[in-house]
Protein backbone atom coordinates (compact mmCIF):
# COMPACT_ATOMS: atom_id res chain seq x y z
CA MET A 1 -0.48 -0.13 0.36
CA THR A 2 2.62 3.01 -1.12
CA GLU A 3 -0.73 5.58 -1.36
CA SER A 4 -1.29 7.91 1.69
CA PRO A 5 -4.53 8.88 2.41
CA PHE A 6 -3.90 12.70 1.63
CA PRO A 7 -2.68 14.46 -0.99
CA ARG A 8 1.20 15.46 -1.40
CA ASP A 9 2.56 19.17 -0.92
CA PRO A 10 3.62 19.45 -4.07
CA GLU A 11 6.50 21.69 -2.76
CA ALA A 12 7.88 18.61 -0.56
CA PRO A 13 10.83 16.92 -2.12
CA ARG A 14 10.74 13.99 -3.75
CA THR A 15 11.73 9.87 -2.63
CA PRO A 16 14.47 8.69 -4.34
CA GLU A 17 11.56 6.13 -5.99
CA GLU A 18 9.04 8.84 -6.65
CA ALA A 19 12.23 11.21 -8.42
CA ALA A 20 13.06 7.04 -10.63
CA ALA A 21 9.33 7.00 -12.29
CA PRO A 22 8.41 8.11 -15.00
CA ALA A 23 5.98 11.15 -14.50
CA GLU A 24 2.05 11.08 -15.68
CA PRO A 25 2.12 13.32 -18.57
CA ALA A 26 -0.97 15.71 -17.99
CA PRO A 27 -5.06 15.19 -19.76
CA PRO A 28 -5.14 17.70 -22.45
CA ARG A 29 -6.63 20.69 -21.94
CA PRO A 30 -9.48 21.54 -23.57
CA VAL A 31 -9.37 23.53 -26.92
CA TYR A 32 -10.23 27.01 -25.64
CA THR A 33 -11.15 30.16 -27.71
CA PRO A 34 -12.18 32.86 -26.59
CA GLY A 35 -15.47 34.92 -27.98
CA SER A 36 -18.84 33.85 -29.12
CA ALA A 37 -20.77 31.40 -31.38
CA GLN A 38 -22.44 35.48 -32.76
CA PRO A 39 -20.07 36.60 -35.24
CA ARG A 40 -21.21 39.99 -34.07
CA LEU A 41 -20.39 40.22 -30.19
CA ASN A 42 -16.53 39.17 -31.50
CA ARG A 43 -16.10 43.11 -32.73
CA PRO A 44 -14.39 45.32 -30.73
CA VAL A 45 -15.99 46.96 -28.17
CA HIS A 46 -15.44 50.88 -29.66
CA GLU A 47 -16.96 49.34 -33.22
CA ARG A 48 -19.66 47.38 -31.02
CA TYR A 49 -20.85 50.68 -29.17
CA PRO A 50 -19.73 53.92 -31.32
CA GLN A 51 -21.68 56.31 -28.35
CA ILE A 52 -18.79 55.53 -26.08
CA ARG A 53 -15.63 57.65 -26.51
CA PRO A 54 -11.99 57.71 -25.19
CA THR A 55 -12.96 60.80 -23.38
CA SER A 56 -16.43 59.61 -22.80
CA GLY A 57 -16.91 61.23 -19.52
CA TYR A 58 -14.35 63.16 -18.14
CA SER A 59 -14.10 65.35 -21.93
CA ASP A 60 -17.75 65.13 -23.15
CA PRO A 61 -18.36 68.51 -24.50
CA ARG A 62 -21.96 67.42 -23.57
CA ILE A 63 -21.38 67.36 -20.37
CA THR A 64 -22.05 70.96 -18.50
CA ARG A 65 -22.35 70.09 -15.09
CA THR A 66 -22.20 68.04 -12.69
CA GLY A 67 -24.11 65.70 -9.67
CA PRO A 68 -28.03 66.38 -9.37
CA GLY A 69 -29.54 69.42 -9.65
CA PRO A 70 -29.35 73.39 -7.07
CA GLY A 71 -30.79 72.81 -3.84
CA ALA A 72 -30.37 68.92 -4.06
CA GLY A 73 -29.30 67.78 -0.09
CA THR A 74 -30.29 70.57 1.65
CA GLU A 75 -33.12 69.82 4.16
CA GLN A 76 -36.13 71.01 3.09
CA GLU A 77 -37.60 71.23 6.44
CA PRO A 78 -35.12 71.92 9.33
CA GLU A 79 -37.49 72.03 12.38
CA ARG A 80 -39.58 68.82 11.05
CA SER A 81 -36.52 67.04 10.39
CA ALA A 82 -34.79 67.71 14.49
CA LYS A 83 -38.35 66.90 15.83
CA LEU A 84 -38.36 63.54 13.96
CA THR A 85 -34.63 63.31 15.45
CA ALA A 86 -35.38 64.08 18.85
CA ARG A 87 -38.04 61.62 19.20
CA LEU A 88 -36.18 59.19 17.36
CA THR A 89 -33.17 59.87 20.01
CA LEU A 90 -36.23 59.26 22.90
CA ALA A 91 -37.88 56.37 21.35
CA LEU A 92 -34.50 54.30 21.13
CA THR A 93 -33.90 55.18 24.66
CA VAL A 94 -37.37 53.79 25.23
CA VAL A 95 -36.33 51.28 24.10
CA ILE A 96 -32.70 50.30 25.38
CA GLY A 97 -34.46 50.27 28.43
CA GLN A 98 -37.56 47.82 27.95
CA LEU A 99 -34.27 45.81 27.08
CA TRP A 100 -32.56 46.59 29.98
CA GLY A 101 -36.04 45.96 32.36
CA LEU A 102 -36.89 42.64 30.04
CA THR A 103 -33.42 41.14 31.45
CA ILE A 104 -33.83 42.76 35.25
CA VAL A 105 -37.62 41.36 34.87
CA VAL A 106 -36.26 37.59 33.55
CA ASP A 107 -32.72 37.07 36.15
CA GLU A 108 -35.73 37.70 39.01
CA SER A 109 -38.65 35.56 37.93
CA MET A 110 -36.35 32.97 37.97
CA THR A 111 -34.61 33.75 41.07
CA GLY A 112 -38.43 33.05 42.13
CA ASP A 113 -38.65 36.35 43.77
CA THR A 114 -42.05 37.97 41.61
CA GLY A 115 -42.38 41.03 43.83
CA THR A 116 -39.61 42.32 41.98
CA ALA A 117 -40.92 40.77 38.09
CA TRP A 118 -44.01 42.21 38.20
CA TRP A 119 -42.86 45.22 39.32
CA GLY A 120 -40.58 45.26 36.26
CA ALA A 121 -43.06 44.29 34.20
CA GLY A 122 -45.21 47.41 35.49
CA PHE A 123 -42.47 49.15 34.16
CA LEU A 124 -42.35 47.76 30.13
CA VAL A 125 -45.65 47.48 29.99
CA LEU A 126 -45.12 52.05 31.20
CA SER A 127 -42.28 51.85 28.88
CA PHE A 128 -44.55 51.30 26.20
CA LEU A 129 -47.12 53.69 26.55
CA VAL A 130 -44.69 56.56 26.92
CA VAL A 131 -43.40 55.10 23.18
CA LEU A 132 -47.20 55.11 22.21
CA GLY A 133 -47.64 58.41 23.72
CA LEU A 134 -45.22 59.79 21.61
CA TRP A 135 -46.22 58.10 19.06
CA LEU A 136 -49.63 60.01 19.06
CA VAL A 137 -48.06 63.43 19.94
CA ASP A 138 -48.14 64.12 16.18
CA PRO A 139 -49.88 62.01 13.07
CA LYS A 140 -49.85 64.42 10.26
CA ASP A 141 -45.73 63.43 10.23
CA ARG A 142 -46.66 60.09 9.68
């Protein structure tokens, strides 16, 4: 049994037996011809797409201005944006508090302290009502 179950490292030096044995010829590679069976697709790119020139994009005389139009990217209603950002920040803070409260409630209920778990459950309900109240404050933003 001379075959090893592991592949041989090609960088490893050959043993004298391997060096004396003739090398197996590599199997012939399939003939590769790049291109398509359709001759019209084998033309160079500049023949297939004459509208694309080497200077297209940076020195094309048809391009007069780059970027979006005037006023793009500026805030149109800064007051509304500030209000939504503040409300989102407050809601995320409440959600983080709910997650923290949920870990406390689960920990206390697992240790058997159900009194603290009920207080924690009340905190979670109250924080949910706060988020619901924030949602109901300004219905025209939805």
